[in-house]
Amino acid sequence: MPARDIRKVCALDNAGERTLEMVVRRMGLSARAYDRILKVTRTIADLGGSECLAAKHVAEAVQYRSLDRNYWT
């Protein structure tokens, strides 16, 4: 899926956008990692039956990213 489609399908609310921007800056993530976190965030929201992507969905996706970095690198 191209990046512009990801950003359409995975539109964040204001709090989610701020949370993800903060995480990207603090963890030094790439644009590819940003897109991957967005996709995981969309999946988490879908599983919870939520239309919009909130900060709590972003936080959960980032936790999975942290687990991935700790145990698979």
N, C-alpha and C. Protein backbone atom coordinates (compact mmCIF):
# COMPACT_ATOMS: atom_id res chain seq x y z
N MET A 1 0.85 -1.16 0.00
CA MET A 1 0.00 0.00 0.00
C MET A 1 0.91 1.24 0.00
N PRO A 2 0.68 2.16 -0.93
CA PRO A 2 1.49 3.38 -0.98
C PRO A 2 1.26 4.26 0.26
N ALA A 3 2.25 5.07 0.58
CA ALA A 3 2.20 5.91 1.79
C ALA A 3 0.99 6.83 1.80
N ARG A 4 0.62 7.42 0.66
CA ARG A 4 -0.53 8.34 0.67
C ARG A 4 -1.82 7.59 0.99
N ASP A 5 -1.94 6.33 0.56
CA ASP A 5 -3.12 5.53 0.90
C ASP A 5 -3.13 5.18 2.39
N ILE A 6 -1.96 4.89 2.91
CA ILE A 6 -1.85 4.57 4.34
C ILE A 6 -2.35 5.74 5.17
N ARG A 7 -1.94 6.94 4.80
CA ARG A 7 -2.32 8.12 5.57
C ARG A 7 -3.80 8.44 5.44
N LYS A 8 -4.43 8.03 4.32
CA LYS A 8 -5.89 8.22 4.16
C LYS A 8 -6.65 7.22 5.03
N VAL A 9 -6.27 5.96 4.92
CA VAL A 9 -6.97 4.89 5.63
C VAL A 9 -6.69 4.94 7.13
N CYS A 10 -5.52 5.42 7.49
CA CYS A 10 -5.09 5.42 8.90
C CYS A 10 -5.02 6.84 9.45
N ALA A 11 -6.06 7.61 9.26
CA ALA A 11 -6.08 8.99 9.76
C ALA A 11 -6.22 9.00 11.28
N LEU A 12 -5.32 9.70 11.93
CA LEU A 12 -5.30 9.78 13.39
C LEU A 12 -6.10 10.99 13.89
N ASP A 13 -6.60 10.89 15.12
CA ASP A 13 -7.18 12.08 15.75
C ASP A 13 -6.02 12.95 16.24
N ASN A 14 -6.32 14.13 16.76
CA ASN A 14 -5.26 15.07 17.16
C ASN A 14 -4.33 14.50 18.23
N ALA A 15 -4.89 13.85 19.22
CA ALA A 15 -4.07 13.28 20.29
C ALA A 15 -3.19 12.15 19.75
N GLY A 16 -3.74 11.35 18.86
CA GLY A 16 -2.96 10.27 18.26
C GLY A 16 -1.82 10.78 17.42
N GLU A 17 -2.07 11.85 16.67
CA GLU A 17 -1.03 12.47 15.85
C GLU A 17 0.10 13.01 16.71
N ARG A 18 -0.24 13.69 17.79
CA ARG A 18 0.79 14.22 18.70
C ARG A 18 1.58 13.09 19.34
N THR A 19 0.89 12.04 19.73
CA THR A 19 1.57 10.90 20.36
C THR A 19 2.56 10.26 19.40
N LEU A 20 2.12 10.02 18.18
CA LEU A 20 3.00 9.38 17.20
C LEU A 20 4.18 10.28 16.85
N GLU A 21 3.96 11.57 16.70
CA GLU A 21 5.07 12.48 16.41
C GLU A 21 6.10 12.49 17.54
N MET A 22 5.63 12.46 18.77
CA MET A 22 6.53 12.44 19.92
C MET A 22 7.36 11.14 19.92
N VAL A 23 6.71 10.03 19.64
CA VAL A 23 7.40 8.74 19.63
C VAL A 23 8.45 8.70 18.53
N VAL A 24 8.10 9.20 17.36
CA VAL A 24 9.05 9.19 16.24
C VAL A 24 10.28 10.02 16.59
N ARG A 25 10.07 11.18 17.21
CA ARG A 25 11.22 12.02 17.59
C ARG A 25 12.07 11.36 18.67
N ARG A 26 11.43 10.83 19.70
CA ARG A 26 12.19 10.25 20.82
C ARG A 26 12.92 8.97 20.45
N MET A 27 12.28 8.13 19.62
CA MET A 27 12.89 6.85 19.26
C MET A 27 13.73 6.95 18.00
N GLY A 28 13.66 8.08 17.30
CA GLY A 28 14.44 8.25 16.08
C GLY A 28 14.00 7.31 14.97
N LEU A 29 12.70 7.16 14.80
CA LEU A 29 12.17 6.22 13.82
C LEU A 29 12.18 6.82 12.41
N SER A 30 12.25 5.95 11.44
CA SER A 30 12.24 6.36 10.03
C SER A 30 10.80 6.54 9.54
N ALA A 31 10.67 7.04 8.32
CA ALA A 31 9.35 7.19 7.70
C ALA A 31 8.71 5.82 7.49
N ARG A 32 9.52 4.83 7.18
CA ARG A 32 9.00 3.48 7.00
C ARG A 32 8.43 2.94 8.32
N ALA A 33 9.12 3.18 9.41
CA ALA A 33 8.64 2.75 10.73
C ALA A 33 7.35 3.48 11.09
N TYR A 34 7.27 4.77 10.74
CA TYR A 34 6.06 5.57 10.98
C TYR A 34 4.88 4.92 10.28
N ASP A 35 5.06 4.55 9.01
CA ASP A 35 3.98 3.92 8.25
C ASP A 35 3.61 2.55 8.82
N ARG A 36 4.60 1.80 9.26
CA ARG A 36 4.31 0.49 9.84
C ARG A 36 3.52 0.62 11.14
N ILE A 37 3.87 1.60 11.95
CA ILE A 37 3.13 1.82 13.18
C ILE A 37 1.70 2.24 12.87
N LEU A 38 1.51 3.07 11.84
CA LEU A 38 0.16 3.47 11.43
C LEU A 38 -0.68 2.26 11.04
N LYS A 39 -0.09 1.33 10.29
CA LYS A 39 -0.83 0.14 9.87
C LYS A 39 -1.22 -0.74 11.07
N VAL A 40 -0.30 -0.90 12.00
CA VAL A 40 -0.60 -1.68 13.20
C VAL A 40 -1.67 -0.97 14.04
N THR A 41 -1.59 0.35 14.10
CA THR A 41 -2.59 1.13 14.82
C THR A 41 -3.97 0.92 14.22
N ARG A 42 -4.06 0.92 12.89
CA ARG A 42 -5.35 0.69 12.21
C ARG A 42 -5.89 -0.70 12.55
N THR A 43 -5.02 -1.70 12.59
CA THR A 43 -5.44 -3.06 12.92
C THR A 43 -5.97 -3.12 14.35
N ILE A 44 -5.27 -2.49 15.28
CA ILE A 44 -5.69 -2.48 16.68
C ILE A 44 -7.06 -1.83 16.82
N ALA A 45 -7.25 -0.69 16.15
CA ALA A 45 -8.54 0.00 16.21
C ALA A 45 -9.64 -0.86 15.59
N ASP A 46 -9.35 -1.52 14.48
CA ASP A 46 -10.34 -2.40 13.85
C ASP A 46 -10.75 -3.54 14.77
N LEU A 47 -9.77 -4.15 15.43
CA LEU A 47 -10.07 -5.26 16.33
C LEU A 47 -10.92 -4.79 17.52
N GLY A 48 -10.75 -3.54 17.90
CA GLY A 48 -11.54 -2.98 19.00
C GLY A 48 -12.87 -2.40 18.54
N GLY A 49 -13.14 -2.44 17.25
CA GLY A 49 -14.39 -1.93 16.72
C GLY A 49 -14.47 -0.41 16.66
N SER A 50 -13.33 0.23 16.59
CA SER A 50 -13.28 1.70 16.58
C SER A 50 -13.08 2.22 15.16
N GLU A 51 -13.85 3.23 14.80
CA GLU A 51 -13.70 3.87 13.49
C GLU A 51 -12.44 4.74 13.44
N CYS A 52 -12.25 5.55 14.49
CA CYS A 52 -11.12 6.49 14.48
C CYS A 52 -9.93 5.89 15.22
N LEU A 53 -8.76 6.39 14.87
CA LEU A 53 -7.53 5.96 15.52
C LEU A 53 -7.19 6.95 16.62
N ALA A 54 -7.14 6.48 17.83
CA ALA A 54 -6.90 7.33 18.99
C ALA A 54 -5.49 7.12 19.53
N ALA A 55 -5.12 7.96 20.47
CA ALA A 55 -3.80 7.88 21.09
C ALA A 55 -3.56 6.52 21.76
N LYS A 56 -4.62 5.94 22.34
CA LYS A 56 -4.44 4.63 23.00
C LYS A 56 -4.09 3.55 21.99
N HIS A 57 -4.60 3.64 20.77
CA HIS A 57 -4.26 2.68 19.73
C HIS A 57 -2.80 2.85 19.29
N VAL A 58 -2.37 4.11 19.18
CA VAL A 58 -0.98 4.40 18.83
C VAL A 58 -0.05 3.87 19.91
N ALA A 59 -0.40 4.11 21.16
CA ALA A 59 0.45 3.65 22.27
C ALA A 59 0.60 2.14 22.26
N GLU A 60 -0.48 1.43 21.99
CA GLU A 60 -0.39 -0.03 21.93
C GLU A 60 0.49 -0.48 20.77
N ALA A 61 0.35 0.15 19.62
CA ALA A 61 1.18 -0.20 18.46
C ALA A 61 2.65 0.07 18.74
N VAL A 62 2.95 1.15 19.42
CA VAL A 62 4.33 1.47 19.77
C VAL A 62 4.89 0.45 20.75
N GLN A 63 4.06 -0.02 21.67
CA GLN A 63 4.52 -1.07 22.59
C GLN A 63 4.91 -2.33 21.84
N TYR A 64 4.12 -2.70 20.84
CA TYR A 64 4.47 -3.87 20.03
C TYR A 64 5.76 -3.63 19.27
N ARG A 65 5.96 -2.41 18.80
CA ARG A 65 7.20 -2.05 18.11
C ARG A 65 8.39 -2.19 19.05
N SER A 66 8.21 -1.74 20.28
CA SER A 66 9.29 -1.84 21.28
C SER A 66 9.61 -3.29 21.59
N LEU A 67 8.58 -4.12 21.71
CA LEU A 67 8.81 -5.55 21.94
C LEU A 67 9.57 -6.17 20.78
N ASP A 68 9.20 -5.79 19.58
CA ASP A 68 9.85 -6.31 18.37
C ASP A 68 11.33 -5.93 18.36
N ARG A 69 11.62 -4.69 18.70
CA ARG A 69 13.01 -4.24 18.71
C ARG A 69 13.83 -4.93 19.80
N ASN A 70 13.21 -5.21 20.96
CA ASN A 70 13.94 -5.81 22.07
C ASN A 70 14.23 -7.29 21.87
N TYR A 71 13.32 -7.99 21.25
CA TYR A 71 13.46 -9.46 21.19
C TYR A 71 13.87 -10.02 19.84
N TRP A 72 13.86 -9.23 18.78
CA TRP A 72 14.18 -9.76 17.46
C TRP A 72 15.41 -9.12 16.83
N THR A 73 16.10 -8.26 17.54
CA THR A 73 17.30 -7.66 16.96
C THR A 73 18.54 -8.17 17.60
